[in-house]
Protein backbone atom coordinates (compact mmCIF):
# COMPACT_ATOMS: atom_id res chain seq x y z
CA MET A 1 -109.62 -111.44 129.39
CA ASN A 2 -107.23 -114.58 128.17
CA ARG A 3 -107.32 -116.33 132.12
CA ARG A 4 -105.81 -119.65 130.86
CA MET A 5 -103.17 -117.45 129.22
CA ILE A 6 -102.50 -115.79 132.32
CA LEU A 7 -102.14 -119.00 134.49
CA TYR A 8 -100.39 -120.88 131.57
CA MET A 9 -97.89 -118.54 131.28
CA PRO A 10 -96.58 -118.36 134.79
CA LEU A 11 -96.38 -122.57 135.14
CA GLN A 12 -93.61 -122.32 131.32
CA ILE A 13 -91.61 -119.84 133.15
CA LEU A 14 -91.70 -122.34 136.10
CA LYS A 15 -90.35 -124.92 133.63
CA VAL A 16 -87.49 -122.93 133.06
CA ALA A 17 -86.72 -122.23 136.76
CA ALA A 18 -86.57 -125.52 136.78
CA ALA A 19 -84.08 -125.94 134.58
CA VAL A 20 -82.14 -123.05 136.30
CA LEU A 21 -82.13 -124.89 139.39
CA LEU A 22 -79.41 -127.16 138.34
CA LEU A 23 -76.95 -124.72 138.43
CA PRO A 24 -76.76 -124.56 142.29
CA ALA A 25 -77.10 -128.08 142.08
CA LEU A 26 -74.31 -128.29 140.07
CA VAL A 27 -72.40 -125.41 142.24
CA GLY A 28 -73.06 -127.92 145.38
CA LEU A 29 -71.41 -131.15 144.00
CA ILE A 30 -68.24 -129.31 142.87
CA TYR A 31 -68.02 -127.78 146.36
CA GLY A 32 -68.60 -131.50 147.87
CA GLU A 33 -72.28 -130.38 149.45
CA THR A 34 -74.26 -133.35 148.23
CA ARG A 35 -77.28 -132.89 150.57
CA HIS A 36 -77.50 -129.48 149.29
CA ALA A 37 -77.46 -130.37 145.69
CA LEU A 38 -79.98 -133.16 145.85
CA VAL A 39 -82.48 -130.72 147.72
CA TYR A 40 -82.08 -128.68 144.64
CA LEU A 41 -82.22 -131.20 142.33
CA CYS A 42 -85.41 -132.44 143.91
CA VAL A 43 -86.97 -129.29 143.97
CA GLY A 44 -86.18 -128.66 140.09
CA ALA A 45 -87.87 -131.44 139.04
CA ALA A 46 -90.75 -131.30 141.49
CA THR A 47 -91.77 -127.95 139.96
CA PHE A 48 -91.05 -129.40 136.39
CA VAL A 49 -93.61 -131.92 137.05
CA LEU A 50 -96.37 -129.90 138.58
CA SER A 51 -95.94 -127.02 136.24
CA VAL A 52 -95.91 -129.98 133.39
CA ILE A 53 -99.45 -130.57 134.63
CA GLY A 54 -100.39 -127.59 135.78
CA GLN A 55 -100.21 -126.63 131.96
CA ARG A 56 -102.05 -129.60 130.54
CA VAL A 57 -104.85 -128.56 132.78
CA VAL A 58 -104.92 -124.99 132.29
CA LYS A 59 -104.03 -125.05 128.18
CA PRO A 60 -105.50 -121.92 127.07
CA TRP A 61 -107.61 -122.26 123.57
CA THR A 62 -105.67 -118.94 122.01
CA LYS A 63 -102.32 -117.77 123.25
CA VAL A 64 -103.16 -114.07 122.30
CA ILE A 65 -102.12 -111.86 125.46
CA TYR A 66 -103.11 -108.10 125.67
CA ALA A 67 -101.51 -105.47 127.25
CA ARG A 68 -103.79 -106.52 129.89
CA GLU A 69 -102.80 -109.88 130.86
CA GLY A 70 -98.65 -109.09 130.17
CA PHE A 71 -98.96 -107.03 133.05
CA VAL A 72 -101.14 -109.54 135.45
CA ILE A 73 -98.76 -112.50 133.69
CA VAL A 74 -95.86 -110.70 134.93
CA ALA A 75 -96.99 -109.97 138.29
CA LEU A 76 -98.02 -113.72 139.09
CA THR A 77 -94.85 -115.21 137.74
CA TRP A 78 -92.65 -113.08 139.72
CA VAL A 79 -94.87 -114.32 143.40
CA LEU A 80 -94.30 -117.46 141.93
CA MET A 81 -90.60 -117.55 141.29
CA SER A 82 -89.89 -116.31 144.35
CA LEU A 83 -92.50 -118.57 146.43
CA VAL A 84 -90.54 -121.55 144.98
CA GLY A 85 -87.06 -119.75 144.88
CA ALA A 86 -87.21 -119.65 148.70
CA LEU A 87 -87.59 -123.44 149.43
CA PRO A 88 -83.96 -124.42 148.76
CA PHE A 89 -83.01 -122.38 151.50
CA VAL A 90 -85.96 -123.55 154.14
CA ILE A 91 -85.46 -127.29 152.90
CA THR A 92 -81.56 -127.28 153.56
CA GLY A 93 -81.89 -125.60 157.20
CA ASP A 94 -79.52 -122.51 155.86
CA ILE A 95 -82.83 -119.93 156.27
CA PRO A 96 -85.58 -122.10 158.36
CA ASN A 97 -88.16 -119.77 158.34
CA TYR A 98 -89.94 -119.84 155.63
CA VAL A 99 -90.80 -115.54 155.76
CA ASN A 100 -87.29 -114.91 156.20
CA ALA A 101 -86.32 -117.30 153.04
CA LEU A 102 -88.94 -115.81 150.97
CA PHE A 103 -87.68 -111.84 151.90
CA GLU A 104 -84.42 -113.43 151.08
CA THR A 105 -85.36 -114.77 147.96
CA MET A 106 -87.71 -111.53 146.85
CA SER A 107 -84.64 -109.28 147.60
CA GLY A 108 -83.00 -111.75 145.56
CA PHE A 109 -84.74 -111.27 142.32
CA THR A 110 -85.90 -107.78 142.49
CA THR A 111 -82.27 -107.47 142.75
CA THR A 112 -82.98 -105.14 146.42
CA GLY A 113 -80.37 -107.31 148.22
CA ALA A 114 -81.90 -106.36 151.94
CA SER A 115 -81.17 -109.62 153.96
CA ILE A 116 -82.37 -110.85 156.94
CA LEU A 117 -79.15 -112.73 157.49
CA THR A 118 -76.37 -112.45 160.22
CA ASP A 119 -73.63 -114.91 158.99
CA ILE A 120 -73.42 -114.63 155.48
CA PRO A 121 -69.92 -116.84 155.13
CA ALA A 122 -72.07 -120.13 157.21
CA MET A 123 -73.97 -120.56 154.23
CA SER A 124 -73.37 -123.13 151.77
CA HIS A 125 -71.77 -122.60 148.41
CA ALA A 126 -75.04 -123.77 146.47
CA ASN A 127 -77.54 -121.55 148.85
CA LEU A 128 -75.01 -118.43 148.38
CA PHE A 129 -74.45 -119.04 144.76
CA TRP A 130 -78.41 -119.35 144.19
CA ARG A 131 -79.17 -116.10 146.37
CA SER A 132 -76.81 -114.56 144.26
CA PHE A 133 -77.78 -115.90 140.73
CA THR A 134 -81.60 -114.55 141.21
CA HIS A 135 -80.03 -111.39 140.99
CA TRP A 136 -78.70 -112.26 137.76
CA LEU A 137 -82.32 -113.03 136.57
CA GLY A 138 -84.06 -110.84 137.96
CA GLY A 139 -81.84 -107.66 136.94
CA MET A 140 -82.63 -107.84 133.46
CA GLY A 141 -86.07 -109.44 133.91
CA ILE A 142 -87.10 -113.58 134.17
CA LEU A 143 -89.29 -112.97 131.49
CA VAL A 144 -87.14 -111.37 129.25
CA PHE A 145 -84.79 -113.94 129.89
CA VAL A 146 -86.98 -116.47 128.99
CA MET A 147 -87.88 -114.73 125.86
CA ALA A 148 -84.69 -114.50 124.99
CA ILE A 149 -83.89 -118.46 124.50
CA SER A 150 -88.06 -119.51 123.46
CA ASN A 151 -91.15 -117.90 121.73
CA MET A 152 -93.44 -116.58 123.80
CA GLY A 153 -95.21 -115.16 120.74
CA ASP A 154 -95.97 -111.63 118.91
CA ARG A 155 -98.00 -110.19 121.42
CA SER A 156 -94.96 -110.60 123.86
CA ILE A 157 -94.04 -106.75 123.70
CA HIS A 158 -96.55 -106.10 126.14
CA ILE A 159 -94.74 -108.76 128.60
CA MET A 160 -91.34 -106.74 128.22
CA ARG A 161 -93.42 -103.34 128.86
CA ALA A 162 -94.80 -104.53 132.03
CA GLU A 163 -90.95 -105.97 133.37
CA ILE A 164 -88.28 -103.59 131.96
CA PRO A 165 -88.82 -100.66 134.49
CA GLY A 166 -89.09 -96.53 132.96
CA PRO A 167 -91.75 -94.83 131.61
CA ILE A 168 -90.98 -95.35 127.77
CA VAL A 169 -90.14 -99.11 126.83
CA GLY A 170 -90.13 -99.77 122.87
CA LYS A 171 -87.95 -102.45 121.17
CA LEU A 172 -84.48 -102.37 119.72
CA VAL A 173 -85.31 -103.57 116.44
CA PRO A 174 -88.82 -105.42 115.02
CA ARG A 175 -89.52 -108.39 116.69
CA ALA A 176 -89.66 -108.27 120.62
CA ARG A 177 -87.86 -111.57 121.00
CA GLU A 178 -84.76 -110.48 119.68
CA THR A 179 -84.93 -107.14 121.22
CA ALA A 180 -84.98 -109.88 124.27
CA LYS A 181 -82.02 -111.83 122.94
CA ILE A 182 -79.83 -108.77 122.19
CA LEU A 183 -80.51 -107.15 125.58
CA TYR A 184 -79.33 -110.21 127.23
CA LEU A 185 -76.22 -110.95 125.20
CA ILE A 186 -74.90 -107.00 126.00
CA TYR A 187 -75.52 -108.35 130.22
CA MET A 188 -74.40 -111.59 129.41
CA GLY A 189 -70.95 -110.12 128.22
CA MET A 190 -70.61 -107.39 130.62
CA THR A 191 -71.06 -109.83 133.39
CA LEU A 192 -68.56 -111.95 132.25
CA LEU A 193 -66.31 -108.98 131.26
CA GLU A 194 -66.74 -107.93 135.50
CA VAL A 195 -66.00 -111.79 136.02
CA ALA A 196 -62.20 -111.52 134.15
CA LEU A 197 -61.79 -108.11 135.72
CA LEU A 198 -62.28 -109.00 139.28
CA TRP A 199 -60.30 -112.36 138.70
CA VAL A 200 -57.43 -110.69 137.55
CA GLY A 201 -57.33 -108.74 140.76
CA LYS A 202 -56.80 -111.65 142.73
CA MET A 203 -60.52 -112.35 144.08
CA PRO A 204 -61.74 -116.23 144.43
CA LEU A 205 -63.59 -116.95 141.16
CA PHE A 206 -66.47 -118.11 143.35
CA ASP A 207 -66.61 -114.87 144.45
CA CYS A 208 -66.32 -113.20 141.12
CA PHE A 209 -69.21 -114.43 140.04
CA ILE A 210 -71.17 -113.67 143.16
CA HIS A 211 -70.06 -110.07 142.98
CA ALA A 212 -70.82 -110.04 139.42
CA PHE A 213 -74.04 -110.98 139.76
CA GLY A 214 -74.76 -108.64 142.29
CA SER A 215 -72.97 -105.59 140.23
CA ALA A 216 -74.95 -106.54 136.86
CA GLY A 217 -78.32 -106.86 138.61
CA THR A 218 -77.71 -104.13 140.66
CA GLY A 219 -78.59 -106.70 143.27
CA GLY A 220 -75.52 -106.43 146.31
CA PHE A 221 -75.71 -109.96 148.02
CA SER A 222 -72.39 -110.68 148.60
CA SER A 223 -70.56 -113.69 149.96
CA GLN A 224 -68.67 -111.79 152.48
CA ALA A 225 -70.66 -110.26 155.66
CA ALA A 226 -68.48 -107.22 154.87
CA SER A 227 -69.75 -106.79 151.40
CA MET A 228 -66.74 -105.57 149.37
CA GLY A 229 -65.16 -104.11 152.46
CA ALA A 230 -63.82 -107.48 153.08
CA TYR A 231 -61.15 -107.30 149.72
CA ASP A 232 -58.44 -104.95 150.99
CA SER A 233 -57.59 -103.85 147.83
CA ALA A 234 -58.84 -100.34 145.94
CA TYR A 235 -58.09 -102.17 142.32
CA LEU A 236 -61.34 -104.61 142.67
CA GLN A 237 -63.29 -101.89 144.71
CA TRP A 238 -62.82 -99.44 141.50
CA VAL A 239 -63.56 -102.17 139.36
CA VAL A 240 -67.02 -102.90 141.10
CA THR A 241 -67.74 -98.88 140.94
CA VAL A 242 -67.36 -99.09 137.58
CA PHE A 243 -69.88 -101.80 136.43
CA MET A 244 -72.32 -100.82 139.09
CA PHE A 245 -72.42 -97.12 137.25
CA LEU A 246 -71.95 -99.08 133.82
CA PHE A 247 -74.78 -100.99 134.84
CA GLY A 248 -77.11 -98.68 135.91
CA VAL A 249 -76.66 -97.02 132.14
CA ASN A 250 -80.16 -97.22 129.92
CA PHE A 251 -78.65 -100.76 127.86
CA ASN A 252 -80.09 -99.08 124.78
CA ILE A 253 -76.75 -96.54 124.87
CA TYR A 254 -75.23 -99.93 124.36
CA TYR A 255 -77.69 -100.70 121.34
CA LEU A 256 -76.23 -97.63 119.62
CA ILE A 257 -72.54 -98.10 120.29
CA LEU A 258 -72.76 -101.34 119.17
CA VAL A 259 -74.48 -100.38 115.81
CA LYS A 260 -71.49 -97.48 115.71
CA LYS A 261 -74.17 -94.90 116.57
CA ILE A 262 -72.16 -93.28 119.39
CA GLY A 263 -72.92 -89.59 118.67
CA GLN A 264 -75.93 -89.94 119.11
CA ALA A 265 -75.25 -92.40 122.51
CA VAL A 266 -73.04 -89.94 123.67
CA ARG A 267 -75.62 -87.06 123.09
CA SER A 268 -78.32 -88.86 125.49
CA THR A 269 -79.45 -85.87 127.86
CA GLU A 270 -80.60 -89.16 130.32
CA LEU A 271 -76.90 -90.36 130.09
CA ARG A 272 -75.40 -87.04 130.90
CA THR A 273 -78.06 -86.31 133.75
CA TYR A 274 -77.09 -89.68 135.35
CA ALA A 275 -73.47 -89.39 135.21
CA ALA A 276 -73.88 -85.48 136.43
CA ILE A 277 -75.75 -86.59 139.77
CA ALA A 278 -73.47 -89.17 140.42
CA VAL A 279 -70.22 -87.14 139.72
CA ILE A 280 -71.19 -83.86 141.98
CA SER A 281 -72.91 -86.59 144.89
CA ALA A 282 -69.54 -87.92 144.97
CA ALA A 283 -67.82 -85.06 145.12
CA ALA A 284 -69.71 -83.36 147.37
CA ILE A 285 -69.70 -86.68 149.86
CA ALA A 286 -65.53 -86.46 149.04
CA ILE A 287 -65.33 -82.96 150.72
CA ASN A 288 -67.41 -84.03 153.33
CA ILE A 289 -65.97 -87.29 154.28
CA ARG A 290 -62.11 -85.95 153.49
CA SER A 291 -61.35 -85.99 157.42
CA MET A 292 -62.30 -89.77 158.19
CA TYR A 293 -59.96 -91.31 156.13
CA ALA A 294 -56.39 -91.01 155.47
CA THR A 295 -56.00 -89.87 151.69
CA LEU A 296 -57.50 -88.53 149.15
CA GLY A 297 -57.34 -91.63 147.39
CA GLU A 298 -59.81 -93.31 149.55
CA THR A 299 -61.46 -90.59 150.47
CA VAL A 300 -62.60 -90.41 146.81
CA ARG A 301 -62.76 -94.44 146.72
CA HIS A 302 -65.22 -94.75 149.19
CA ALA A 303 -67.13 -92.21 148.22
CA ALA A 304 -67.36 -92.93 144.34
CA PHE A 305 -68.28 -96.30 145.47
CA GLN A 306 -71.08 -95.34 147.56
CA VAL A 307 -72.52 -93.33 145.51
CA SER A 308 -72.95 -95.46 142.80
CA SER A 309 -74.02 -98.26 144.88
CA ILE A 310 -76.83 -96.49 146.12
CA LEU A 311 -77.58 -94.66 142.89
CA THR A 312 -77.79 -97.37 140.60
CA THR A 313 -79.84 -99.41 143.97
CA THR A 314 -77.29 -101.99 144.10
CA GLY A 315 -76.70 -102.17 147.96
CA PHE A 316 -72.95 -103.11 148.13
CA SER A 317 -70.35 -101.23 150.59
CA THR A 318 -66.92 -101.01 151.63
CA THR A 319 -67.44 -99.33 155.02
CA ASP A 320 -70.07 -98.38 157.22
CA PHE A 321 -71.59 -95.32 155.59
CA ASP A 322 -74.33 -95.28 158.56
CA ARG A 323 -70.97 -93.61 160.52
CA TRP A 324 -70.87 -90.78 157.59
CA PRO A 325 -71.77 -86.87 158.56
CA HIS A 326 -75.21 -86.03 158.09
CA PHE A 327 -74.66 -84.28 155.07
CA SER A 328 -73.53 -87.46 153.60
CA ARG A 329 -76.22 -90.00 154.48
CA THR A 330 -78.84 -87.26 153.57
CA VAL A 331 -77.17 -87.07 150.24
CA LEU A 332 -77.34 -90.92 149.98
CA VAL A 333 -80.46 -91.28 150.94
CA LEU A 334 -81.60 -88.89 148.42
CA LEU A 335 -80.39 -91.06 145.69
CA MET A 336 -82.29 -93.69 146.40
CA PHE A 337 -85.28 -92.81 145.52
CA VAL A 338 -83.44 -91.02 142.30
CA GLY A 339 -82.58 -94.16 140.95
CA ALA A 340 -80.43 -95.54 138.33
CA SER A 341 -81.80 -95.15 134.59
CA ALA A 342 -84.70 -96.19 132.42
CA GLY A 343 -83.94 -99.30 130.46
CA SER A 344 -81.62 -100.55 133.00
CA THR A 345 -81.40 -103.06 135.52
CA GLY A 346 -81.33 -100.32 138.22
CA GLY A 347 -84.32 -99.30 140.78
CA GLY A 348 -85.79 -96.33 142.18
CA LEU A 349 -88.12 -92.91 140.23
CA LYS A 350 -85.45 -93.91 137.16
CA VAL A 351 -83.45 -90.36 136.00
CA SER A 352 -85.79 -90.16 133.03
CA ARG A 353 -89.06 -89.59 135.18
CA VAL A 354 -87.41 -87.26 137.73
CA MET A 355 -86.03 -84.98 134.74
CA ILE A 356 -89.45 -85.88 133.46
CA LEU A 357 -90.77 -84.55 136.42
CA PHE A 358 -89.02 -81.29 136.93
CA LYS A 359 -89.81 -80.30 133.36
CA SER A 360 -93.42 -80.70 134.47
CA MET A 361 -93.19 -78.33 137.03
CA HIS A 362 -90.78 -75.79 134.92
CA ARG A 363 -93.82 -75.95 132.17
CA GLU A 364 -96.18 -74.86 135.03
CA ILE A 365 -94.90 -72.38 136.61
CA MET A 366 -94.21 -70.87 133.03
CA ARG A 367 -97.80 -71.25 132.16
CA LEU A 368 -98.98 -69.06 135.64
CA LEU A 369 -96.55 -66.62 134.09
CA HIS A 370 -97.69 -66.33 130.77
CA PRO A 371 -101.47 -68.35 130.92
CA LYS A 372 -101.34 -67.73 127.04
CA SER A 373 -98.57 -69.77 126.37
CA VAL A 374 -98.52 -73.31 124.69
CA ARG A 375 -95.33 -75.28 125.53
CA SER A 376 -94.16 -79.01 124.69
CA LEU A 377 -91.88 -81.31 126.79
CA ARG A 378 -89.30 -83.02 125.31
CA LEU A 379 -86.56 -85.49 126.32
CA GLU A 380 -83.95 -86.72 124.34
CA GLY A 381 -84.68 -84.50 121.31
CA LYS A 382 -87.67 -85.33 120.92
CA LYS A 383 -91.22 -84.63 121.98
CA LEU A 384 -93.10 -85.89 124.95
CA ASP A 385 -96.47 -87.62 124.33
CA GLU A 386 -98.78 -86.11 126.77
CA THR A 387 -99.70 -89.37 127.56
CA VAL A 388 -96.23 -89.91 129.09
CA VAL A 389 -96.05 -87.12 131.03
CA HIS A 390 -99.65 -87.73 132.08
CA ASN A 391 -98.61 -91.33 132.95
CA THR A 392 -95.24 -90.34 134.76
CA LEU A 393 -97.34 -87.17 137.23
CA ASN A 394 -99.69 -90.15 137.92
CA TYR A 395 -96.97 -93.32 138.53
CA PHE A 396 -95.46 -90.68 141.07
CA ALA A 397 -98.85 -90.29 142.92
CA LEU A 398 -98.63 -93.59 143.15
CA TYR A 399 -95.48 -94.94 144.08
CA MET A 400 -95.69 -91.71 146.86
CA LEU A 401 -99.06 -93.17 148.27
CA CYS A 402 -97.47 -96.68 148.05
CA PHE A 403 -94.37 -95.70 150.15
CA ALA A 404 -95.93 -93.57 152.51
CA LEU A 405 -98.59 -96.72 153.56
CA CYS A 406 -94.98 -99.82 153.68
CA PHE A 407 -93.57 -96.91 155.64
CA LEU A 408 -97.00 -96.66 157.95
CA VAL A 409 -96.82 -100.10 159.08
CA VAL A 410 -93.48 -100.48 159.10
CA SER A 411 -93.44 -97.80 161.69
CA VAL A 412 -95.28 -100.39 164.02
CA ASP A 413 -91.90 -101.96 165.17
CA GLN A 414 -90.59 -100.49 167.58
CA PHE A 415 -87.40 -98.65 165.81
CA ASN A 416 -86.72 -94.97 164.99
CA ILE A 417 -88.15 -93.15 162.37
CA GLU A 418 -84.67 -93.09 160.80
CA THR A 419 -84.61 -97.35 160.52
CA SER A 420 -88.77 -97.57 159.71
CA LEU A 421 -87.97 -94.54 156.83
CA THR A 422 -84.89 -95.66 155.40
CA ALA A 423 -86.15 -99.32 155.41
CA THR A 424 -88.90 -99.10 153.43
CA ALA A 425 -86.87 -96.91 151.14
CA ALA A 426 -84.13 -99.17 150.04
CA CYS A 427 -86.78 -101.81 149.68
CA PHE A 428 -89.06 -99.73 147.54
CA ASN A 429 -86.25 -98.75 145.67
CA ASN A 430 -84.37 -101.91 145.79
CA ILE A 431 -81.45 -100.48 147.39
CA GLY A 432 -81.25 -103.08 150.42
CA PRO A 433 -79.09 -101.33 153.09
CA GLY A 434 -80.74 -98.27 154.72
CA LEU A 435 -79.83 -96.84 157.68
CA GLY A 436 -79.95 -97.13 161.48
CA ALA A 437 -80.71 -100.88 162.75
CA VAL A 438 -80.71 -101.36 158.68
CA GLY A 439 -77.30 -100.48 158.03
CA PRO A 440 -74.69 -101.77 155.71
CA THR A 441 -73.30 -103.47 159.16
CA ALA A 442 -76.17 -104.67 159.83
CA SER A 443 -79.45 -106.57 158.44
CA TYR A 444 -83.42 -106.71 158.62
CA ALA A 445 -83.38 -110.25 160.85
CA GLY A 446 -84.63 -108.03 163.81
CA MET A 447 -88.15 -107.12 161.80
CA THR A 448 -91.33 -108.16 162.64
CA THR A 449 -92.78 -110.50 160.25
CA LEU A 450 -95.40 -108.03 159.59
CA SER A 451 -92.99 -105.61 158.69
CA LYS A 452 -90.80 -108.40 156.56
CA LEU A 453 -93.86 -109.00 154.37
CA THR A 454 -94.91 -105.70 153.87
CA LEU A 455 -90.98 -104.72 152.62
CA THR A 456 -91.45 -108.07 150.64
CA LEU A 457 -94.02 -106.71 149.00
CA ALA A 458 -92.39 -103.18 148.74
CA MET A 459 -89.99 -105.03 146.73
CA LEU A 460 -92.32 -106.26 144.51
CA LEU A 461 -93.77 -103.43 144.15
CA GLY A 462 -90.81 -101.00 143.15
CA ARG A 463 -89.40 -103.61 140.96
CA LEU A 464 -92.46 -103.96 139.05
CA GLU A 465 -93.01 -100.31 138.91
CA ILE A 466 -96.59 -101.21 140.81
CA PHE A 467 -98.90 -101.10 138.66
CA PRO A 468 -98.60 -104.93 137.39
CA VAL A 469 -99.26 -106.11 140.78
CA LEU A 470 -102.30 -103.62 141.18
CA LEU A 471 -103.70 -105.25 138.49
CA ALA A 472 -103.03 -108.75 139.49
CA VAL A 473 -105.28 -108.06 142.39
CA ALA A 474 -107.82 -105.57 141.10
CA PRO A 475 -111.31 -107.38 140.94
CA ALA A 476 -112.14 -105.33 138.11
CA THR A 477 -108.99 -106.65 135.79
CA TRP A 478 -111.05 -110.58 136.60
CA GLN A 479 -114.58 -109.08 135.46
CA ARG A 480 -116.15 -110.86 132.53
CA LYS A 481 -117.21 -108.21 129.59
């Protein structure tokens, strides 16, 4: 175990975070929020100085890292980034309670979108920008971003595997750093395209960036209390619907398109399954809620938007879906657990994992019927390694255990089971709004400190897919051989 490297790398990331804090400071200056800009500059400067000092103290003998170190580095980095990122909210007074600020910041970095705010427009432009920019950083991955702009060594693939969600993570090109650059160039290009299309639709430029960050990171923080429902524009809502769906696609698909392997991209079974789930769910909900809206177009728009938002775990809303019939709300709750594609910015179990789980169940049934048969599982036309299948089953069991434990703690609050269950599901799957007291028109402000801290942990577990966090706190990880 390279303990010094485990401490050294998060401090290196904090230096990048200190530089990133210049962006909200610049926004504050543009909008005349001098005090807020000064706060961001001071927090950034202090973070940079402390990181430099810390790196000199824990400078490692070797920078080689292996899988175990990679997982722990990712977990510690995300915790430190959230702890530091919460400070401007507290110091400026927009979120004076540190636990609330930590909840909001972790919700941002993990692209959850759950909020304790009750008056969002009252926040400063600097804080609104930082709040949403955490989505953009966390969507593709904080460490993947640092990999794209700096050299983290030949073993950095272990960090990428720990941070990018999905049962299988590989390099698009031989070098992990080049893979990170490709991912972020695609990510940045799609974000800027969405900004441009929203601006064409007459959305204010500041709001364009806020909602593009939320769509790209599939996070869902908005500058408006009514989210996308505040914009009475079918065009704007359809643009966000489409981009939420696109950011929920495995980014390997976009790479295949760039290198002109369009046929291979279109043949992706995960992509087809993901699209089928979205279309079927939207159609079912549209039929169920048809009587609630004046026209068929409006009905389809709200159904498609909400399915895209929940399936990709974004969390934007155009209407109060908590008032929809039980069937529609049940469909949305099920979509919370499915989530987007592996290798996307979305959360949840991931479509590929769900496919593996169903294929595994089908194989076991066939084995009962034909005990002597030998069947292998295939995904994307390739035979799946049994290790991947085994890891998927283990992850699902651990996923359900962690979810149940978080749900039990949250249920201590005096909320009904609908609120407690969907709050846990929304945070664990990085979605944001749930049902009941944490619905799309409400917030998490009424929850106790214990529940907020539990849900903060649930967000981190969901975004990093449990194992990095467990390895970071496991005593065996830190034992000397």
